[in-house]
């Protein structure tokens, strides 16, 4: 039996173009729960899916055929068979090793499976390296949403061994779920009904809300169209407001100069700034790139920790006592200039404190701290090289946009078939 798996090419706009351009504002009255690692995330998201009555929307960068992926497949098949609308959007690079049988079993059960920018291997090597669908979002019945950095793979569980990843996600209940649902539905290419509450705003909502009630959540995202810098700008704005403390834990840290300058400036004005980086990286280049920036930051009082227990995969940060962000975006050229990413901004004191305590435990018990006074080792040269590399990568989307492989297309993708 031939089963079509839909193919979404890079930066394909949804049918409702206005929805793609929509900015999402701060939503009050939400309940936010921190989910640390797969041990907390998978039970929560799987239970929500098992209870689904109408709809499951799922986007992920990686889905493996391991114990986590197989359990997810079974839950989605069972949901589709009982009449739940299930739409699964997978990245063509991150999910490039999925077997045709695995995908066909989903599609045959009624799951709508979409592949973002798939590409055939050349001499056994995948070629679709750039502009990835890197988001990790699940929305169930437009009532509960999950967003963060955790993929559907067993390497997010501690029993995976020394290579198990340290990571974070959040579960959101409340008014902000409507924004996440609307966004996920629009990005899946589905027609989104435009209501008065979804009108395009004439002016982007503030990155820093005027009121400071707890439970505030705002969805932000980046694409290669109208929202290229939204996540980066949110970090810069929050850092410029910092008065007491900043903690950033990020797997791949190689930001541009503007963000680096705000980190340095916060430390210079007396803010306690801590960065938690990878000490046991899954990609050695990430560690080498981050270390190019150490001297520049250390000399102004930034405290840098390297997490050494296992690979750090988190993408979280907090500022002062009530601002936090959790999502899929690293602070490197791929996430800030190429990938499709999504974070939530959170203004909530209890959540901020919970995240702070988790990161402080990490820094205190499982990290080595870089010495405050290191012998300068050509830091100006390394910063200059880093600046040039970052900005070459920053303009790369414009160059890749000329290539035929990156022209917008939405068409059936027939390669994944399964014969009975």
Protein backbone atom coordinates (compact mmCIF):
# COMPACT_ATOMS: atom_id res chain seq x y z
CA UNK A 1 0.00 0.00 0.00
CA UNK A 2 1.38 3.42 -0.92
CA UNK A 3 0.85 6.03 1.76
CA UNK A 4 1.58 9.68 1.04
CA UNK A 5 3.50 11.63 3.64
CA UNK A 6 3.18 15.35 3.05
CA UNK A 7 6.31 17.35 2.29
CA UNK A 8 6.67 20.92 3.52
CA UNK A 9 9.61 22.70 1.91
CA UNK A 10 11.64 25.33 3.68
CA UNK A 11 9.83 28.48 4.83
CA UNK A 12 6.56 27.46 3.21
CA UNK A 13 3.95 30.01 4.36
CA UNK A 14 0.64 28.60 5.61
CA UNK A 15 -2.57 29.05 3.63
CA UNK A 16 -3.59 31.89 5.93
CA UNK A 17 -0.68 34.26 5.28
CA UNK A 18 -1.95 36.75 7.85
CA UNK A 19 -1.61 34.11 10.54
CA UNK A 20 2.06 33.69 9.65
CA UNK A 21 2.72 37.39 10.22
CA UNK A 22 0.80 37.56 13.51
CA UNK A 23 2.57 38.72 16.65
CA UNK A 24 1.53 37.16 19.92
CA UNK A 25 1.21 39.33 23.02
CA UNK A 26 1.46 38.62 26.73
CA UNK A 27 -1.32 36.40 28.07
CA UNK A 28 -2.18 36.56 31.82
CA UNK A 29 -3.51 33.90 34.14
CA UNK A 30 -1.48 30.88 33.04
CA UNK A 31 -0.20 27.89 34.98
CA UNK A 32 3.39 26.98 34.03
CA UNK A 33 5.13 23.80 35.12
CA UNK A 34 8.85 23.17 34.66
CA UNK A 35 9.62 19.73 33.21
CA UNK A 36 13.26 18.70 33.63
CA UNK A 37 14.56 15.95 31.35
CA UNK A 38 12.61 13.11 29.80
CA UNK A 39 11.74 11.67 33.21
CA UNK A 40 9.33 14.57 33.78
CA UNK A 41 8.50 15.48 30.19
CA UNK A 42 7.53 12.18 28.57
CA UNK A 43 5.00 11.02 31.23
CA UNK A 44 3.31 14.44 31.18
CA UNK A 45 3.03 14.78 27.41
CA UNK A 46 2.08 11.12 26.85
CA UNK A 47 -0.67 11.31 29.48
CA UNK A 48 -2.09 14.45 27.83
CA UNK A 49 -2.09 12.67 24.45
CA UNK A 50 -3.80 9.59 25.90
CA UNK A 51 -6.57 11.86 27.21
CA UNK A 52 -6.95 13.76 23.91
CA UNK A 53 -10.50 13.95 22.62
CA UNK A 54 -10.29 16.19 19.55
CA UNK A 55 -6.78 17.12 18.37
CA UNK A 56 -3.04 16.58 18.82
CA UNK A 57 -0.55 18.92 17.11
CA UNK A 58 3.10 17.89 17.36
CA UNK A 59 6.29 19.44 15.98
CA UNK A 60 9.71 18.01 16.71
CA UNK A 61 13.22 18.19 15.35
CA UNK A 62 14.14 14.60 16.27
CA UNK A 63 12.06 11.44 16.55
CA UNK A 64 13.92 8.15 16.86
CA UNK A 65 12.67 4.59 16.60
CA UNK A 66 13.66 3.74 20.16
CA UNK A 67 11.61 3.07 23.28
CA UNK A 68 10.42 6.69 23.44
CA UNK A 69 9.63 6.99 19.74
CA UNK A 70 7.86 3.64 19.67
CA UNK A 71 5.72 4.58 22.67
CA UNK A 72 4.85 7.89 21.01
CA UNK A 73 3.92 6.11 17.78
CA UNK A 74 1.58 3.76 19.64
CA UNK A 75 -0.13 6.63 21.48
CA UNK A 76 -0.64 8.63 18.27
CA UNK A 77 -1.99 5.61 16.38
CA UNK A 78 -4.45 4.82 19.18
CA UNK A 79 -5.57 8.47 19.31
CA UNK A 80 -6.13 8.65 15.55
CA UNK A 81 -8.07 5.38 15.57
CA UNK A 82 -10.50 6.75 18.15
CA UNK A 83 -11.17 9.80 15.99
CA UNK A 84 -8.68 12.38 17.28
CA UNK A 85 -7.21 14.63 14.58
CA UNK A 86 -3.44 14.10 14.79
CA UNK A 87 -0.95 16.24 12.84
CA UNK A 88 2.75 15.44 13.21
CA UNK A 89 5.40 17.73 11.69
CA UNK A 90 8.92 16.33 11.56
CA UNK A 91 12.20 17.81 10.41
CA UNK A 92 13.65 16.14 7.32
CA UNK A 93 17.19 16.20 8.71
CA UNK A 94 16.58 15.38 12.36
CA UNK A 95 14.11 12.62 11.49
CA UNK A 96 15.92 11.49 8.36
CA UNK A 97 16.65 8.02 9.75
CA UNK A 98 13.00 7.07 10.36
CA UNK A 99 12.03 3.96 8.42
CA UNK A 100 9.26 4.02 5.77
CA UNK A 101 7.44 1.36 7.81
CA UNK A 102 7.37 3.55 10.94
CA UNK A 103 5.92 6.52 9.05
CA UNK A 104 3.47 4.39 7.04
CA UNK A 105 2.05 2.82 10.18
CA UNK A 106 1.23 6.30 11.45
CA UNK A 107 -0.29 7.41 8.16
CA UNK A 108 -2.34 4.23 7.72
CA UNK A 109 -3.91 4.82 11.14
CA UNK A 110 -5.05 8.29 10.07
CA UNK A 111 -2.19 10.41 11.43
CA UNK A 112 -1.25 13.29 9.14
CA UNK A 113 2.53 13.10 8.85
CA UNK A 114 4.49 16.05 7.42
CA UNK A 115 8.19 16.20 6.66
CA UNK A 116 9.94 19.56 6.63
CA UNK A 117 12.51 19.84 3.83
CA UNK A 118 13.42 16.17 3.34
CA UNK A 119 16.26 15.35 0.99
CA UNK A 120 17.72 12.17 -0.42
CA UNK A 121 21.18 11.14 0.76
CA UNK A 122 24.16 11.57 -1.53
CA UNK A 123 26.77 8.84 -1.06
CA UNK A 124 25.08 7.99 2.23
CA UNK A 125 25.33 11.56 3.54
CA UNK A 126 22.37 13.79 4.33
CA UNK A 127 22.58 17.13 2.53
CA UNK A 128 19.74 19.20 4.06
CA UNK A 129 21.86 20.70 6.83
CA UNK A 130 20.52 24.25 6.98
CA UNK A 131 17.24 25.96 7.91
CA UNK A 132 15.88 23.25 10.14
CA UNK A 133 12.48 22.93 11.77
CA UNK A 134 14.01 22.96 15.24
CA UNK A 135 10.85 23.66 17.29
CA UNK A 136 9.52 21.21 19.87
CA UNK A 137 5.83 21.93 20.46
CA UNK A 138 2.87 19.75 21.43
CA UNK A 139 -0.68 21.12 21.79
CA UNK A 140 -3.51 18.83 22.92
CA UNK A 141 -7.19 19.77 22.47
CA UNK A 142 -6.18 23.46 22.44
CA UNK A 143 -6.20 23.10 26.24
CA UNK A 144 -2.65 22.18 27.25
CA UNK A 145 0.66 22.85 25.51
CA UNK A 146 4.26 21.73 25.88
CA UNK A 147 7.27 23.63 24.56
CA UNK A 148 11.00 23.39 25.16
CA UNK A 149 14.15 21.69 23.97
CA UNK A 150 13.30 18.01 24.50
CA UNK A 151 13.04 15.75 21.44
CA UNK A 152 11.24 12.40 21.30
CA UNK A 153 14.26 10.18 21.82
CA UNK A 154 15.60 7.94 24.58
CA UNK A 155 18.77 10.02 24.96
CA UNK A 156 16.72 12.44 27.09
CA UNK A 157 16.39 9.76 29.79
CA UNK A 158 18.99 9.15 32.48
CA UNK A 159 19.12 5.40 31.86
CA UNK A 160 20.52 6.13 28.38
CA UNK A 161 23.92 6.42 30.03
CA UNK A 162 26.70 9.03 30.04
CA UNK A 163 25.39 10.57 26.81
CA UNK A 164 21.92 11.26 28.25
CA UNK A 165 21.03 14.93 27.76
CA UNK A 166 20.24 17.52 30.42
CA UNK A 167 17.26 19.52 29.15
CA UNK A 168 14.10 21.48 29.97
CA UNK A 169 10.54 22.04 28.77
CA UNK A 170 7.39 23.59 30.19
CA UNK A 171 3.76 22.56 30.36
CA UNK A 172 1.38 25.50 29.90
CA UNK A 173 -2.30 25.66 30.81
CA UNK A 174 -4.40 28.80 30.41
CA UNK A 175 -4.99 31.58 27.88
CA UNK A 176 -1.50 31.32 26.31
CA UNK A 177 -2.37 27.85 25.00
CA UNK A 178 -4.66 29.51 22.45
CA UNK A 179 -1.64 31.33 20.98
CA UNK A 180 0.42 28.13 20.87
CA UNK A 181 -2.47 26.26 19.28
CA UNK A 182 -3.06 28.96 16.68
CA UNK A 183 0.66 29.10 15.89
CA UNK A 184 1.11 25.32 15.61
CA UNK A 185 -1.97 24.96 13.41
CA UNK A 186 -0.85 27.76 11.11
CA UNK A 187 2.67 26.37 10.82
CA UNK A 188 1.28 22.96 9.87
CA UNK A 189 -0.13 24.57 6.72
CA UNK A 190 -3.75 24.28 7.85
CA UNK A 191 -6.35 26.97 7.22
CA UNK A 192 -6.72 28.98 10.41
CA UNK A 193 -9.97 30.73 11.12
CA UNK A 194 -9.28 34.43 11.72
CA UNK A 195 -11.36 35.88 14.53
CA UNK A 196 -11.42 39.32 16.05
CA UNK A 197 -8.91 38.19 18.69
CA UNK A 198 -6.45 37.09 15.99
CA UNK A 199 -6.34 40.34 14.03
CA UNK A 200 -2.89 41.35 12.95
CA UNK A 201 -1.62 44.06 15.25
CA UNK A 202 -0.40 47.34 13.85
CA UNK A 203 2.43 47.42 16.37
CA UNK A 204 4.35 44.54 17.91
CA UNK A 205 3.54 43.86 21.56
CA UNK A 206 6.12 44.86 24.12
CA UNK A 207 8.86 42.39 25.02
CA UNK A 208 8.51 43.62 28.61
CA UNK A 209 4.90 43.82 29.93
CA UNK A 210 3.80 46.95 31.74
CA UNK A 211 2.13 44.94 34.52
CA UNK A 212 3.98 42.33 36.59
CA UNK A 213 1.25 39.87 37.59
CA UNK A 214 2.40 36.27 37.84
CA UNK A 215 1.33 33.76 35.20
CA UNK A 216 2.17 35.96 32.20
CA UNK A 217 3.26 34.03 29.10
CA UNK A 218 4.17 35.22 25.63
CA UNK A 219 5.01 33.05 22.61
CA UNK A 220 7.92 34.25 20.47
CA UNK A 221 9.41 32.58 17.44
CA UNK A 222 11.86 33.10 14.61
CA UNK A 223 11.56 32.29 10.94
CA UNK A 224 13.37 33.46 7.83
CA UNK A 225 10.56 35.84 6.88
CA UNK A 226 9.04 38.47 9.21
CA UNK A 227 10.38 37.24 12.55
CA UNK A 228 14.09 36.73 12.03
CA UNK A 229 15.34 38.40 15.22
CA UNK A 230 12.46 38.10 17.69
CA UNK A 231 14.11 35.63 20.07
CA UNK A 232 17.45 37.43 20.00
CA UNK A 233 15.72 40.77 20.67
CA UNK A 234 13.86 39.26 23.64
CA UNK A 235 17.16 38.21 25.22
CA UNK A 236 18.76 41.60 24.54
CA UNK A 237 15.78 43.47 25.99
CA UNK A 238 15.63 41.34 29.14
CA UNK A 239 19.39 41.67 29.72
CA UNK A 240 19.15 45.45 29.38
CA UNK A 241 16.51 45.45 32.16
CA UNK A 242 18.44 43.16 34.53
CA UNK A 243 19.11 44.57 37.99
CA UNK A 244 19.92 41.60 40.23
CA UNK A 245 20.78 38.33 38.51
CA UNK A 246 21.01 36.64 35.13
CA UNK A 247 21.43 32.91 34.55
CA UNK A 248 21.70 31.53 31.02
CA UNK A 249 22.03 27.79 30.40
CA UNK A 250 22.50 27.08 26.73
CA UNK A 251 23.87 24.10 24.87
CA UNK A 252 25.32 25.97 21.89
CA UNK A 253 26.54 29.43 22.85
CA UNK A 254 28.04 31.60 20.14
CA UNK A 255 25.86 34.72 19.95
CA UNK A 256 26.39 37.91 18.02
CA UNK A 257 28.09 41.01 19.38
CA UNK A 258 24.90 42.83 20.46
CA UNK A 259 23.85 40.02 22.78
CA UNK A 260 27.39 39.55 24.07
CA UNK A 261 27.60 43.27 24.80
CA UNK A 262 24.38 43.19 26.86
CA UNK A 263 25.69 40.24 28.88
CA UNK A 264 28.93 42.10 29.54
CA UNK A 265 27.14 45.38 30.32
CA UNK A 266 24.87 43.69 32.86
CA UNK A 267 27.91 42.30 34.69
CA UNK A 268 29.65 45.69 34.56
CA UNK A 269 26.74 47.40 36.32
CA UNK A 270 26.81 44.88 39.17
CA UNK A 271 24.32 42.25 38.04
CA UNK A 272 25.33 38.71 39.02
CA UNK A 273 25.65 37.02 35.60
CA UNK A 274 26.15 33.27 35.32
CA UNK A 275 26.49 31.27 32.12
CA UNK A 276 26.19 27.46 32.12
CA UNK A 277 27.86 25.92 29.08
CA UNK A 278 28.63 22.45 27.83
CA UNK A 279 31.59 20.74 29.44
CA UNK A 280 30.80 17.34 27.92
CA UNK A 281 29.47 18.42 24.51
CA UNK A 282 27.80 16.13 21.99
CA UNK A 283 29.34 18.43 19.35
CA UNK A 284 32.96 19.34 20.14
CA UNK A 285 32.84 22.38 17.84
CA UNK A 286 30.19 23.93 20.12
CA UNK A 287 32.56 23.85 23.08
CA UNK A 288 35.44 25.28 21.06
CA UNK A 289 33.26 28.11 19.71
CA UNK A 290 31.98 29.07 23.17
CA UNK A 291 35.49 29.10 24.62
CA UNK A 292 36.51 31.71 22.05
CA UNK A 293 34.33 34.13 24.02
CA UNK A 294 35.38 33.26 27.57
CA UNK A 295 38.13 35.85 28.05
CA UNK A 296 35.93 38.65 26.72
CA UNK A 297 33.21 37.82 29.27
CA UNK A 298 35.33 36.79 32.26
CA UNK A 299 37.28 40.04 32.34
CA UNK A 300 34.07 41.94 33.07
CA UNK A 301 32.87 39.68 35.87
CA UNK A 302 30.68 37.13 34.10
CA UNK A 303 30.81 33.77 35.91
CA UNK A 304 31.11 30.84 33.49
CA UNK A 305 30.34 27.25 34.47
CA UNK A 306 30.89 24.18 32.31
CA UNK A 307 28.43 21.36 33.00
CA UNK A 308 30.42 18.15 33.13
CA UNK A 309 28.04 15.39 34.21
CA UNK A 310 26.57 14.75 30.73
CA UNK A 311 25.78 16.72 27.56
CA UNK A 312 23.83 19.92 28.22
CA UNK A 313 20.97 20.37 25.75
CA UNK A 314 18.96 23.06 27.57
CA UNK A 315 17.93 26.43 26.15
CA UNK A 316 16.73 28.38 29.19
CA UNK A 317 17.44 31.68 30.91
CA UNK A 318 16.18 33.83 33.76
CA UNK A 319 16.53 37.48 34.70
CA UNK A 320 15.99 38.88 38.20
CA UNK A 321 13.09 37.34 40.16
CA UNK A 322 10.31 36.91 37.62
CA UNK A 323 11.46 36.77 33.93
CA UNK A 324 12.32 33.45 32.32
CA UNK A 325 12.44 31.87 28.89
CA UNK A 326 12.30 28.22 27.83
CA UNK A 327 12.26 26.91 24.28
CA UNK A 328 14.10 25.39 21.37
CA UNK A 329 16.46 28.23 20.48
CA UNK A 330 20.16 27.99 21.16
CA UNK A 331 22.27 31.14 21.18
CA UNK A 332 24.32 30.32 18.10
CA UNK A 333 24.16 31.24 14.39
CA UNK A 334 22.04 28.22 13.44
CA UNK A 335 19.26 29.05 15.92
CA UNK A 336 19.51 32.85 15.71
CA UNK A 337 19.88 33.12 11.94
CA UNK A 338 18.74 29.92 10.20
CA UNK A 339 16.48 27.53 12.09
CA UNK A 340 12.76 27.79 12.74
CA UNK A 341 12.53 28.17 16.53
CA UNK A 342 9.99 28.89 19.27
CA UNK A 343 10.32 29.97 22.91
CA UNK A 344 7.96 31.16 25.57
CA UNK A 345 8.69 34.21 27.70
CA UNK A 346 7.40 33.84 31.26
CA UNK A 347 6.81 36.47 33.96
CA UNK A 348 6.17 34.41 37.09
CA UNK A 349 8.08 34.56 40.36
CA UNK A 350 7.46 30.98 41.50
CA UNK A 351 8.53 29.56 38.14
CA UNK A 352 11.60 31.81 38.04
CA UNK A 353 12.64 30.61 41.49
CA UNK A 354 12.09 26.95 40.58
CA UNK A 355 14.23 27.32 37.46
CA UNK A 356 16.88 29.23 39.41
CA UNK A 357 17.13 26.50 42.06
CA UNK A 358 17.45 23.81 39.37
CA UNK A 359 20.22 25.69 37.56
CA UNK A 360 21.97 26.63 40.81
CA UNK A 361 22.06 22.94 41.80
CA UNK A 362 23.55 22.15 38.40
CA UNK A 363 26.21 24.85 38.74
CA UNK A 364 27.11 23.99 42.33
CA UNK A 365 27.24 20.21 42.10
CA UNK A 366 27.97 19.25 38.51
CA UNK A 367 29.98 22.06 36.93
CA UNK A 368 33.52 23.33 36.91
CA UNK A 369 33.83 27.11 37.12
CA UNK A 370 36.24 28.94 34.88
CA UNK A 371 38.85 30.94 36.86
CA UNK A 372 38.11 34.66 37.08
CA UNK A 373 41.61 35.63 36.03
CA UNK A 374 42.83 33.59 33.13
CA UNK A 375 45.93 34.47 31.17
CA UNK A 376 44.66 36.40 28.12
CA UNK A 377 45.16 34.28 25.05
CA UNK A 378 44.57 36.40 21.96
CA UNK A 379 41.01 37.14 23.10
CA UNK A 380 40.70 40.15 20.76
CA UNK A 381 41.73 38.04 17.77
CA UNK A 382 39.33 35.26 18.72
CA UNK A 383 36.49 37.73 19.24
CA UNK A 384 37.17 39.25 15.79
CA UNK A 385 37.13 35.83 14.14
CA UNK A 386 33.96 34.97 16.01
CA UNK A 387 32.32 38.20 14.89
CA UNK A 388 33.12 37.48 11.24
CA UNK A 389 31.95 33.85 11.43
CA UNK A 390 28.69 34.81 13.13
CA UNK A 391 27.78 37.47 10.59
CA UNK A 392 28.65 35.29 7.61
CA UNK A 393 26.22 32.74 9.05
CA UNK A 394 23.72 35.50 9.78
CA UNK A 395 23.43 36.38 6.09
CA UNK A 396 23.43 32.77 4.97
CA UNK A 397 19.59 32.51 4.77
CA UNK A 398 19.53 35.18 2.06
CA UNK A 399 22.06 33.20 0.04
CA UNK A 400 20.37 29.83 0.49
CA UNK A 401 17.05 31.41 -0.49
CA UNK A 402 18.32 31.64 -4.05
CA UNK A 403 18.79 27.89 -4.29
CA UNK A 404 16.03 25.82 -5.95
CA UNK A 405 15.91 23.42 -2.99
CA UNK A 406 14.66 26.25 -0.83
CA UNK A 407 11.85 27.55 -3.03
CA UNK A 408 8.48 27.23 -1.26
CA UNK A 409 6.64 24.03 -2.19
CA UNK A 410 3.80 22.11 -0.56
CA UNK A 411 3.17 18.81 -2.26
CA UNK A 412 2.62 15.11 -1.52
CA UNK A 413 5.80 13.28 -0.66
CA UNK A 414 5.58 9.72 -1.93
CA UNK A 415 8.95 8.29 -0.90
CA UNK A 416 7.80 6.76 2.39
CA UNK A 417 5.80 3.71 1.33
CA UNK A 418 5.13 0.38 2.98
CA UNK A 419 4.04 -2.70 1.14
CA UNK A 420 1.76 -5.32 2.73
